[in-house]
């Protein structure tokens, strides 16, 4: 039985002004076949590997999966319904921390701690630049009941906007955040819409997601897709995003999918030129 996924939302962060040996022949042949398979697998597009759905059906590629779900040409009506079905699933879920975490509300503290460690690194390196009086704004994407905003974002950002397509979750978020607002740190806007947006220069996305060990896993019930780390990285590249920083989430139950955090920018990262000193390059080396 597969590991039950934990639904942890993505958190784009923005700077000011909105969203800123010898062997016999048989063994040698077997090794040769194995090496060929590994080389072929390494050369494959990470987004074109096999996957499986929650009912056990296997797919040769993501394209095959999408053909079954929304048709050969990506029928717009089927596509719209696919996402609508996903929202419908969450509309039937209790508007609580335990609800949005699929019955694993007890992992909330570990999740927040992991996110905060990652956030502090990014704030220091990317946003604050030594300044402590900047007016920072964050967009909590797929905010649910405001769990991340309440426990983390509102402590570091002056304003947090929440985007969530499930109305009952957003209503709960308003109530949960009502007592946490202050003059300088508050939840400002609540948008009950799906997320299609853009990022301003200088800003960056933080994506925190479940990871499949390989390929992808489609959940037929809630229409979510859990992807592998190579899959995600290729997906980011296709979107024109650059990987700035990553970190693994620690302290979650073993029966859950692994969780990883990615910080992504639209800026091309500077190239690092590594030079070897003449002294070290001319030093005798041990040949292994």
Protein backbone atom coordinates (compact mmCIF):
# COMPACT_ATOMS: atom_id res chain seq x y z
CA UNK A 1 0.00 0.00 0.00
CA UNK A 2 1.42 3.39 -1.00
CA UNK A 3 2.25 6.15 1.39
CA UNK A 4 -0.57 8.50 2.10
CA UNK A 5 0.25 11.98 0.86
CA UNK A 6 0.27 15.00 3.09
CA UNK A 7 -1.32 18.05 1.55
CA UNK A 8 1.12 20.85 2.21
CA UNK A 9 0.58 23.99 0.22
CA UNK A 10 2.94 26.11 -1.85
CA UNK A 11 4.14 29.46 -0.53
CA UNK A 12 5.36 32.04 -3.04
CA UNK A 13 7.28 34.83 -1.35
CA UNK A 14 7.54 38.31 -2.77
CA UNK A 15 9.57 41.45 -2.11
CA UNK A 16 7.91 44.84 -1.58
CA UNK A 17 5.24 46.10 -3.76
CA UNK A 18 3.02 43.23 -4.44
CA UNK A 19 4.55 39.97 -5.01
CA UNK A 20 7.49 41.61 -5.81
CA UNK A 21 37.43 -7.00 -11.40
CA UNK A 22 37.24 -10.22 -13.52
CA UNK A 23 33.95 -11.94 -14.11
CA UNK A 24 32.71 -14.76 -16.32
CA UNK A 25 30.85 -14.07 -19.55
CA UNK A 26 27.34 -14.51 -18.13
CA UNK A 27 27.91 -12.01 -15.34
CA UNK A 28 29.60 -9.61 -17.73
CA UNK A 29 26.59 -9.79 -20.06
CA UNK A 30 24.23 -9.17 -17.17
CA UNK A 31 26.25 -6.18 -16.04
CA UNK A 32 26.33 -4.84 -19.58
CA UNK A 33 22.54 -5.06 -19.86
CA UNK A 34 22.13 -3.32 -16.51
CA UNK A 35 24.49 -0.51 -17.50
CA UNK A 36 22.63 0.03 -20.76
CA UNK A 37 19.33 0.26 -18.91
CA UNK A 38 20.74 2.75 -16.40
CA UNK A 39 22.20 4.91 -19.15
CA UNK A 40 18.91 4.92 -21.01
CA UNK A 41 17.00 5.83 -17.89
CA UNK A 42 19.40 8.68 -17.13
CA UNK A 43 18.96 10.09 -20.62
CA UNK A 44 15.18 10.14 -20.40
CA UNK A 45 13.25 13.32 -19.85
CA UNK A 46 12.26 13.22 -16.14
CA UNK A 47 8.76 14.23 -17.17
CA UNK A 48 8.40 11.33 -19.61
CA UNK A 49 8.90 8.44 -17.19
CA UNK A 50 6.25 5.96 -16.12
CA UNK A 51 3.76 6.62 -13.37
CA UNK A 52 0.78 5.12 -11.59
CA UNK A 53 -2.57 6.26 -10.26
CA UNK A 54 -4.21 5.59 -6.90
CA UNK A 55 -6.17 2.68 -8.40
CA UNK A 56 -2.98 0.88 -9.48
CA UNK A 57 -3.14 1.67 -13.19
CA UNK A 58 0.26 2.20 -14.79
CA UNK A 59 1.14 4.81 -17.39
CA UNK A 60 4.15 4.83 -19.69
CA UNK A 61 4.41 8.61 -19.47
CA UNK A 62 2.73 11.72 -18.16
CA UNK A 63 1.41 12.38 -21.67
CA UNK A 64 -0.41 9.04 -21.60
CA UNK A 65 -1.93 9.90 -18.25
CA UNK A 66 -3.10 13.31 -19.44
CA UNK A 67 -4.57 11.80 -22.63
CA UNK A 68 -6.77 9.58 -20.48
CA UNK A 69 -7.75 12.37 -18.12
CA UNK A 70 -8.47 15.23 -20.53
CA UNK A 71 -8.29 13.76 -24.05
CA UNK A 72 -5.79 13.64 -26.89
CA UNK A 73 -5.78 17.37 -27.59
CA UNK A 74 -6.44 18.56 -24.06
CA UNK A 75 -10.13 19.28 -24.40
CA UNK A 76 -10.83 22.57 -22.60
CA UNK A 77 -14.15 21.34 -21.18
CA UNK A 78 -12.53 18.19 -19.77
CA UNK A 79 -9.60 20.22 -18.46
CA UNK A 80 -11.90 22.64 -16.66
CA UNK A 81 -13.90 19.76 -15.20
CA UNK A 82 -10.71 18.02 -14.07
CA UNK A 83 -9.70 20.96 -11.93
CA UNK A 84 -13.27 21.53 -10.80
CA UNK A 85 -13.41 17.93 -9.55
CA UNK A 86 -10.28 18.62 -7.52
CA UNK A 87 -11.89 21.63 -5.88
CA UNK A 88 -15.07 19.62 -5.28
CA UNK A 89 -13.08 17.04 -3.34
CA UNK A 90 -11.70 19.67 -1.00
CA UNK A 91 -15.13 21.23 -0.57
CA UNK A 92 -16.10 17.99 1.17
CA UNK A 93 -13.19 18.18 3.60
CA UNK A 94 -13.50 19.62 7.10
CA UNK A 95 -12.21 23.18 7.24
CA UNK A 96 -9.56 22.51 9.91
CA UNK A 97 -5.84 21.90 10.15
CA UNK A 98 -6.49 18.16 10.51
CA UNK A 99 -8.76 18.29 7.47
CA UNK A 100 -6.37 20.05 5.10
CA UNK A 101 -3.53 17.76 6.25
CA UNK A 102 -5.50 14.61 5.49
CA UNK A 103 -5.86 13.53 9.11
CA UNK A 104 -2.25 14.27 9.95
CA UNK A 105 -2.76 17.51 11.85
CA UNK A 106 -0.13 16.41 14.37
CA UNK A 107 2.65 17.06 11.83
CA UNK A 108 1.81 20.76 11.71
CA UNK A 109 4.51 21.84 14.19
CA UNK A 110 7.29 19.92 12.41
CA UNK A 111 6.12 21.30 9.08
CA UNK A 112 6.12 24.90 10.29
CA UNK A 113 9.58 24.54 11.88
CA UNK A 114 11.00 23.16 8.62
CA UNK A 115 9.44 25.97 6.61
CA UNK A 116 10.67 28.63 9.01
CA UNK A 117 14.29 27.44 8.82
CA UNK A 118 14.11 27.63 5.02
CA UNK A 119 12.36 31.00 5.06
CA UNK A 120 14.97 32.59 7.33
CA UNK A 121 17.72 31.57 4.90
CA UNK A 122 15.86 33.10 1.98
CA UNK A 123 14.98 36.31 3.80
CA UNK A 124 18.58 36.88 4.81
CA UNK A 125 20.06 36.04 1.41
CA UNK A 126 17.48 37.38 -0.96
CA UNK A 127 14.95 39.81 0.41
CA UNK A 128 16.29 41.82 3.30
CA UNK A 129 19.86 42.44 2.08
CA UNK A 130 20.77 43.77 5.49
CA UNK A 131 17.71 45.98 5.77
CA UNK A 132 15.23 45.33 8.54
CA UNK A 133 12.66 47.99 7.79
CA UNK A 134 11.41 46.75 4.42
CA UNK A 135 7.68 46.35 3.91
CA UNK A 136 7.36 42.73 2.81
CA UNK A 137 4.33 41.12 1.18
CA UNK A 138 3.68 37.39 0.68
CA UNK A 139 1.08 35.50 -1.30
CA UNK A 140 -0.10 32.25 0.34
CA UNK A 141 -1.13 30.08 -2.62
CA UNK A 142 -3.69 27.41 -1.87
CA UNK A 143 -3.90 28.88 1.61
CA UNK A 144 -6.51 26.45 2.94
CA UNK A 145 -7.64 27.54 6.40
CA UNK A 146 -4.74 29.96 6.80
CA UNK A 147 -2.50 27.45 8.59
CA UNK A 148 0.77 28.67 7.06
CA UNK A 149 -0.16 32.34 7.21
CA UNK A 150 -1.14 32.16 10.88
CA UNK A 151 1.77 30.05 12.11
CA UNK A 152 4.55 31.47 9.94
CA UNK A 153 4.07 34.09 7.24
CA UNK A 154 2.30 36.74 9.30
CA UNK A 155 5.27 36.82 11.69
CA UNK A 156 7.72 37.70 8.90
CA UNK A 157 5.66 39.65 6.40
CA UNK A 158 3.82 42.91 6.88
CA UNK A 159 1.01 41.83 4.60
CA UNK A 160 -0.13 38.39 3.49
CA UNK A 161 -2.69 37.81 0.76
CA UNK A 162 -4.45 34.45 0.66
CA UNK A 163 -5.58 32.64 -2.51
CA UNK A 164 -7.86 29.61 -2.05
CA UNK A 165 -10.56 28.24 -4.41
CA UNK A 166 -12.54 26.46 -1.64
CA UNK A 167 -14.87 29.03 -0.08
CA UNK A 168 -15.34 27.24 3.26
CA UNK A 169 -11.56 27.09 3.74
CA UNK A 170 -11.22 30.80 3.07
CA UNK A 171 -14.06 31.61 5.47
CA UNK A 172 -12.28 29.57 8.14
CA UNK A 173 -9.04 31.41 7.34
CA UNK A 174 -10.70 34.78 7.97
CA UNK A 175 -11.83 33.60 11.40
CA UNK A 176 -8.51 31.95 12.26
CA UNK A 177 -6.58 35.08 11.37
CA UNK A 178 -8.88 37.66 12.94
CA UNK A 179 -7.09 37.55 16.28
CA UNK A 180 -3.56 37.56 14.87
CA UNK A 181 -3.63 40.89 13.04
CA UNK A 182 -1.62 43.88 14.22
CA UNK A 183 -0.90 47.32 12.84
CA UNK A 184 2.21 46.10 11.05
CA UNK A 185 1.54 42.41 10.33
CA UNK A 186 -1.81 41.29 8.96
CA UNK A 187 -3.70 39.19 6.44
CA UNK A 188 -4.89 41.76 3.92
CA UNK A 189 -6.77 40.17 1.05
CA UNK A 190 -8.68 36.91 0.70
CA UNK A 191 -9.15 35.76 -2.92
CA UNK A 192 -11.54 32.86 -3.56
CA UNK A 193 -10.14 31.97 -7.00
CA UNK A 194 -7.92 29.33 -8.62
CA UNK A 195 -4.28 30.33 -8.97
CA UNK A 196 -2.91 31.58 -12.26
CA UNK A 197 -0.41 34.36 -11.64
CA UNK A 198 2.99 35.84 -12.38
CA UNK A 199 6.06 36.91 -10.45
CA UNK A 200 7.69 40.33 -10.44
CA UNK A 201 11.45 40.64 -11.06
CA UNK A 202 13.33 40.21 -7.82
CA UNK A 203 10.65 38.02 -6.26
CA UNK A 204 10.68 34.26 -5.95
CA UNK A 205 8.42 31.29 -5.51
CA UNK A 206 8.73 28.86 -2.64
CA UNK A 207 7.19 25.50 -3.48
CA UNK A 208 6.76 22.89 -0.76
CA UNK A 209 5.54 19.58 -2.14
CA UNK A 210 5.24 15.82 -1.65
CA UNK A 211 7.78 13.75 -3.60
CA UNK A 212 7.26 10.43 -5.38
CA UNK A 213 10.33 8.15 -5.35
CA UNK A 214 10.17 8.05 -9.14
CA UNK A 215 7.87 9.15 -11.94
CA UNK A 216 4.54 10.40 -10.71
CA UNK A 217 1.46 9.30 -8.76
CA UNK A 218 -2.02 10.49 -9.73
CA UNK A 219 -4.61 10.55 -6.97
CA UNK A 220 -7.93 9.84 -8.71
CA UNK A 221 -9.91 11.07 -5.72
CA UNK A 222 -8.65 14.61 -5.30
CA UNK A 223 -6.97 15.05 -8.72
CA UNK A 224 -3.57 15.77 -7.18
CA UNK A 225 -0.32 14.61 -8.79
CA UNK A 226 2.74 13.73 -6.71
CA UNK A 227 5.94 14.05 -8.76
CA UNK A 228 9.55 12.96 -8.28
CA UNK A 229 12.33 15.45 -7.58
CA UNK A 230 13.81 15.17 -11.15
CA UNK A 231 10.28 15.63 -12.54
CA UNK A 232 9.77 18.81 -10.55
CA UNK A 233 13.14 20.23 -11.58
CA UNK A 234 12.43 19.63 -15.26
CA UNK A 235 8.97 21.15 -14.85
CA UNK A 236 10.48 24.26 -13.27
CA UNK A 237 12.96 24.57 -16.15
CA UNK A 238 10.17 24.36 -18.71
CA UNK A 239 8.40 27.18 -16.88
CA UNK A 240 11.48 29.38 -17.17
CA UNK A 241 12.22 29.22 -13.45
CA UNK A 242 15.67 28.85 -11.92
CA UNK A 243 16.42 26.79 -8.83
CA UNK A 244 17.86 29.06 -6.15
CA UNK A 245 17.74 26.92 -2.99
CA UNK A 246 16.32 23.57 -1.82
CA UNK A 247 15.82 21.87 1.54
CA UNK A 248 14.31 18.57 2.69
CA UNK A 249 11.55 18.61 5.29
CA UNK A 250 12.50 16.63 8.40
CA UNK A 251 10.48 15.07 11.20
CA UNK A 252 7.48 13.71 9.28
CA UNK A 253 6.05 10.19 9.79
CA UNK A 254 7.70 7.52 7.62
CA UNK A 255 4.39 6.44 6.08
CA UNK A 256 4.02 9.78 4.35
CA UNK A 257 5.60 10.92 1.12
CA UNK A 258 8.90 12.76 1.50
CA UNK A 259 8.51 16.54 1.36
CA UNK A 260 10.92 19.03 -0.21
CA UNK A 261 11.09 22.81 -0.41
CA UNK A 262 12.23 24.68 -3.52
CA UNK A 263 12.99 28.38 -3.87
CA UNK A 264 12.62 29.46 -7.50
CA UNK A 265 13.45 32.71 -9.27
CA UNK A 266 12.87 34.19 -12.69
CA UNK A 267 16.40 35.65 -12.61
CA UNK A 268 19.24 33.69 -14.18
CA UNK A 269 21.60 32.73 -11.33
CA UNK A 270 25.16 34.05 -11.66
CA UNK A 271 27.73 31.60 -12.97
CA UNK A 272 30.37 30.54 -10.49
CA UNK A 273 33.81 30.14 -12.01
CA UNK A 274 35.94 27.67 -10.09
CA UNK A 275 39.66 28.09 -10.65
CA UNK A 276 42.34 25.68 -9.50
CA UNK A 277 45.59 27.06 -8.14
CA UNK A 278 48.76 26.17 -10.02
CA UNK A 279 50.17 24.66 -6.84
CA UNK A 280 47.35 22.18 -6.44
CA UNK A 281 46.99 21.40 -10.12
CA UNK A 282 50.68 20.47 -10.46
CA UNK A 283 50.76 18.41 -7.29
CA UNK A 284 51.26 14.60 -7.83
CA UNK A 285 48.01 12.70 -7.70
CA UNK A 286 47.19 9.11 -6.70
CA UNK A 287 45.60 7.27 -9.64
CA UNK A 288 42.73 5.10 -8.47
